[in-house]
């Protein structure tokens, strides 16, 4: 004979685990302070500008 399982407890445990996983994902996405976000955006913009400055213009395709 199998083990007796309280379905309500199993459901609640699964809901808690799902909520904890979702919270972890949200912390990764939204847990960055504003100052860190602005520094990251500035670095990204600088890298894009540096890449565009080193681009060769061939005059083709225009």
N, C-alpha and C. Protein backbone atom coordinates (compact mmCIF):
# COMPACT_ATOMS: atom_id res chain seq x y z
N UNK A 1 0.84 -1.17 0.00
CA UNK A 1 0.00 0.00 0.00
C UNK A 1 0.88 1.24 0.00
N UNK A 2 0.45 2.26 -0.69
CA UNK A 2 1.23 3.48 -0.83
C UNK A 2 1.11 4.40 0.37
N UNK A 3 1.92 5.41 0.35
CA UNK A 3 1.92 6.40 1.42
C UNK A 3 0.73 7.33 1.26
N UNK A 4 0.10 7.70 2.36
CA UNK A 4 -1.04 8.61 2.34
C UNK A 4 -0.51 10.03 2.18
N UNK A 5 -1.06 10.75 1.19
CA UNK A 5 -0.59 12.09 0.86
C UNK A 5 -1.74 13.07 1.01
N UNK A 6 -1.49 14.15 1.72
CA UNK A 6 -2.48 15.21 1.84
C UNK A 6 -2.30 16.11 0.62
N UNK A 7 -3.27 16.08 -0.29
CA UNK A 7 -3.15 16.80 -1.55
C UNK A 7 -3.07 18.32 -1.35
N UNK A 8 -3.73 18.82 -0.33
CA UNK A 8 -3.69 20.25 -0.06
C UNK A 8 -2.27 20.67 0.31
N UNK A 9 -1.59 19.89 1.13
CA UNK A 9 -0.21 20.22 1.52
C UNK A 9 0.73 20.15 0.33
N UNK A 10 0.54 19.14 -0.51
CA UNK A 10 1.39 19.00 -1.70
C UNK A 10 1.20 20.20 -2.63
N UNK A 11 -0.06 20.60 -2.82
CA UNK A 11 -0.35 21.74 -3.68
C UNK A 11 0.26 23.02 -3.12
N UNK A 12 0.12 23.23 -1.82
CA UNK A 12 0.68 24.43 -1.19
C UNK A 12 2.21 24.43 -1.27
N UNK A 13 2.84 23.27 -1.09
CA UNK A 13 4.29 23.18 -1.17
C UNK A 13 4.75 23.53 -2.59
N UNK A 14 4.04 22.99 -3.59
CA UNK A 14 4.40 23.29 -4.97
C UNK A 14 4.21 24.77 -5.27
N UNK A 15 3.14 25.37 -4.78
CA UNK A 15 2.92 26.80 -4.99
C UNK A 15 4.04 27.63 -4.36
N UNK A 16 4.49 27.25 -3.16
CA UNK A 16 5.58 27.96 -2.51
C UNK A 16 6.87 27.84 -3.30
N UNK A 17 7.15 26.65 -3.81
CA UNK A 17 8.37 26.44 -4.61
C UNK A 17 8.31 27.26 -5.89
N UNK A 18 7.16 27.30 -6.54
CA UNK A 18 7.00 28.10 -7.76
C UNK A 18 7.17 29.58 -7.46
N UNK A 19 6.61 30.04 -6.35
CA UNK A 19 6.73 31.45 -5.97
C UNK A 19 8.18 31.80 -5.66
N UNK A 20 8.90 30.90 -5.01
CA UNK A 20 10.30 31.16 -4.70
C UNK A 20 11.13 31.23 -5.98
N UNK A 21 10.84 30.36 -6.94
CA UNK A 21 11.57 30.40 -8.21
C UNK A 21 11.28 31.70 -8.96
N UNK A 22 10.02 32.10 -8.99
CA UNK A 22 9.63 33.34 -9.65
C UNK A 22 10.29 34.54 -8.98
N UNK A 23 10.36 34.52 -7.65
CA UNK A 23 10.99 35.61 -6.91
C UNK A 23 12.48 35.70 -7.25
N UNK A 24 13.11 34.56 -7.39
CA UNK A 24 14.52 34.55 -7.76
C UNK A 24 14.75 35.15 -9.14
N UNK A 25 13.88 34.83 -10.08
CA UNK A 25 13.98 35.40 -11.43
C UNK A 25 13.74 36.90 -11.39
N UNK A 26 12.78 37.35 -10.60
CA UNK A 26 12.50 38.78 -10.50
C UNK A 26 13.65 39.53 -9.84
N UNK A 27 14.31 38.89 -8.87
CA UNK A 27 15.46 39.54 -8.24
C UNK A 27 16.57 39.77 -9.25
N UNK A 28 16.74 38.80 -10.15
CA UNK A 28 17.77 38.94 -11.18
C UNK A 28 17.39 40.07 -12.13
N UNK A 29 16.13 40.13 -12.53
CA UNK A 29 15.70 41.12 -13.51
C UNK A 29 15.58 42.52 -12.93
N UNK A 30 15.03 42.64 -11.75
CA UNK A 30 14.67 43.95 -11.22
C UNK A 30 15.47 44.33 -9.98
N UNK A 31 16.38 43.51 -9.54
CA UNK A 31 17.07 43.76 -8.29
C UNK A 31 18.30 44.62 -8.41
N UNK A 32 18.52 45.26 -9.54
CA UNK A 32 19.71 46.06 -9.74
C UNK A 32 19.42 47.51 -9.33
N UNK A 33 20.27 48.11 -8.50
CA UNK A 33 20.06 49.50 -8.12
C UNK A 33 20.16 50.43 -9.33
N UNK A 34 19.54 51.59 -9.22
CA UNK A 34 19.49 52.53 -10.32
C UNK A 34 20.89 52.97 -10.75
N UNK A 35 21.76 53.22 -9.79
CA UNK A 35 23.13 53.65 -10.11
C UNK A 35 23.84 52.58 -10.93
N UNK A 36 23.66 51.34 -10.57
CA UNK A 36 24.30 50.25 -11.31
C UNK A 36 23.72 50.13 -12.70
N UNK A 37 22.40 50.32 -12.84
CA UNK A 37 21.77 50.27 -14.16
C UNK A 37 22.31 51.38 -15.06
N UNK A 38 22.48 52.59 -14.51
CA UNK A 38 22.97 53.70 -15.33
C UNK A 38 24.42 53.47 -15.74
N UNK A 39 25.23 52.92 -14.85
CA UNK A 39 26.62 52.62 -15.20
C UNK A 39 26.66 51.56 -16.30
N UNK A 40 25.85 50.55 -16.17
CA UNK A 40 25.79 49.48 -17.17
C UNK A 40 25.34 50.04 -18.52
N UNK A 41 24.33 50.89 -18.52
CA UNK A 41 23.85 51.49 -19.76
C UNK A 41 24.92 52.38 -20.39
N UNK A 42 25.65 53.14 -19.57
CA UNK A 42 26.70 54.00 -20.08
C UNK A 42 27.82 53.18 -20.71
N UNK A 43 28.20 52.10 -20.07
CA UNK A 43 29.24 51.23 -20.63
C UNK A 43 28.80 50.62 -21.96
N UNK A 44 27.53 50.23 -22.02
CA UNK A 44 27.00 49.64 -23.24
C UNK A 44 27.00 50.67 -24.37
N UNK A 45 26.57 51.90 -24.07
CA UNK A 45 26.57 52.96 -25.07
C UNK A 45 27.98 53.26 -25.55
N UNK A 46 28.93 53.33 -24.64
CA UNK A 46 30.32 53.61 -25.01
C UNK A 46 30.87 52.51 -25.91
N UNK A 47 30.58 51.27 -25.59
CA UNK A 47 31.05 50.15 -26.40
C UNK A 47 30.43 50.22 -27.80
N UNK A 48 29.16 50.56 -27.89
CA UNK A 48 28.50 50.67 -29.20
C UNK A 48 29.09 51.82 -30.01
N UNK A 49 29.37 52.95 -29.36
CA UNK A 49 29.97 54.08 -30.06
C UNK A 49 31.37 53.72 -30.57
N UNK A 50 32.15 53.04 -29.74
CA UNK A 50 33.50 52.65 -30.14
C UNK A 50 33.44 51.68 -31.32
N UNK A 51 32.49 50.79 -31.31
CA UNK A 51 32.34 49.84 -32.41
C UNK A 51 31.95 50.57 -33.69
N UNK A 52 31.03 51.52 -33.59
CA UNK A 52 30.61 52.28 -34.77
C UNK A 52 31.75 53.15 -35.30
N UNK A 53 32.61 53.66 -34.46
CA UNK A 53 33.72 54.50 -34.90
C UNK A 53 34.74 53.69 -35.68
N UNK A 54 34.85 52.42 -35.43
CA UNK A 54 35.83 51.59 -36.11
C UNK A 54 35.25 50.88 -37.34
N UNK A 55 34.04 51.22 -37.68
CA UNK A 55 33.40 50.62 -38.84
C UNK A 55 33.97 51.21 -40.12
N UNK A 56 34.19 50.38 -41.11
CA UNK A 56 34.72 50.83 -42.39
C UNK A 56 33.55 51.16 -43.32
N UNK A 57 33.63 52.31 -43.94
CA UNK A 57 32.62 52.71 -44.91
C UNK A 57 33.11 52.34 -46.30
N UNK A 58 32.39 51.48 -46.99
CA UNK A 58 32.80 51.06 -48.32
C UNK A 58 32.04 51.78 -49.40
N UNK A 59 30.91 52.37 -49.11
CA UNK A 59 30.11 53.08 -50.10
C UNK A 59 29.20 52.15 -50.89
N UNK A 60 29.26 50.88 -50.64
CA UNK A 60 28.40 49.92 -51.33
C UNK A 60 27.04 49.86 -50.66
N UNK A 61 26.03 49.52 -51.44
CA UNK A 61 24.71 49.31 -50.89
C UNK A 61 23.92 50.58 -50.68
N UNK A 62 24.42 51.67 -51.17
CA UNK A 62 23.67 52.92 -50.99
C UNK A 62 23.12 53.41 -52.30
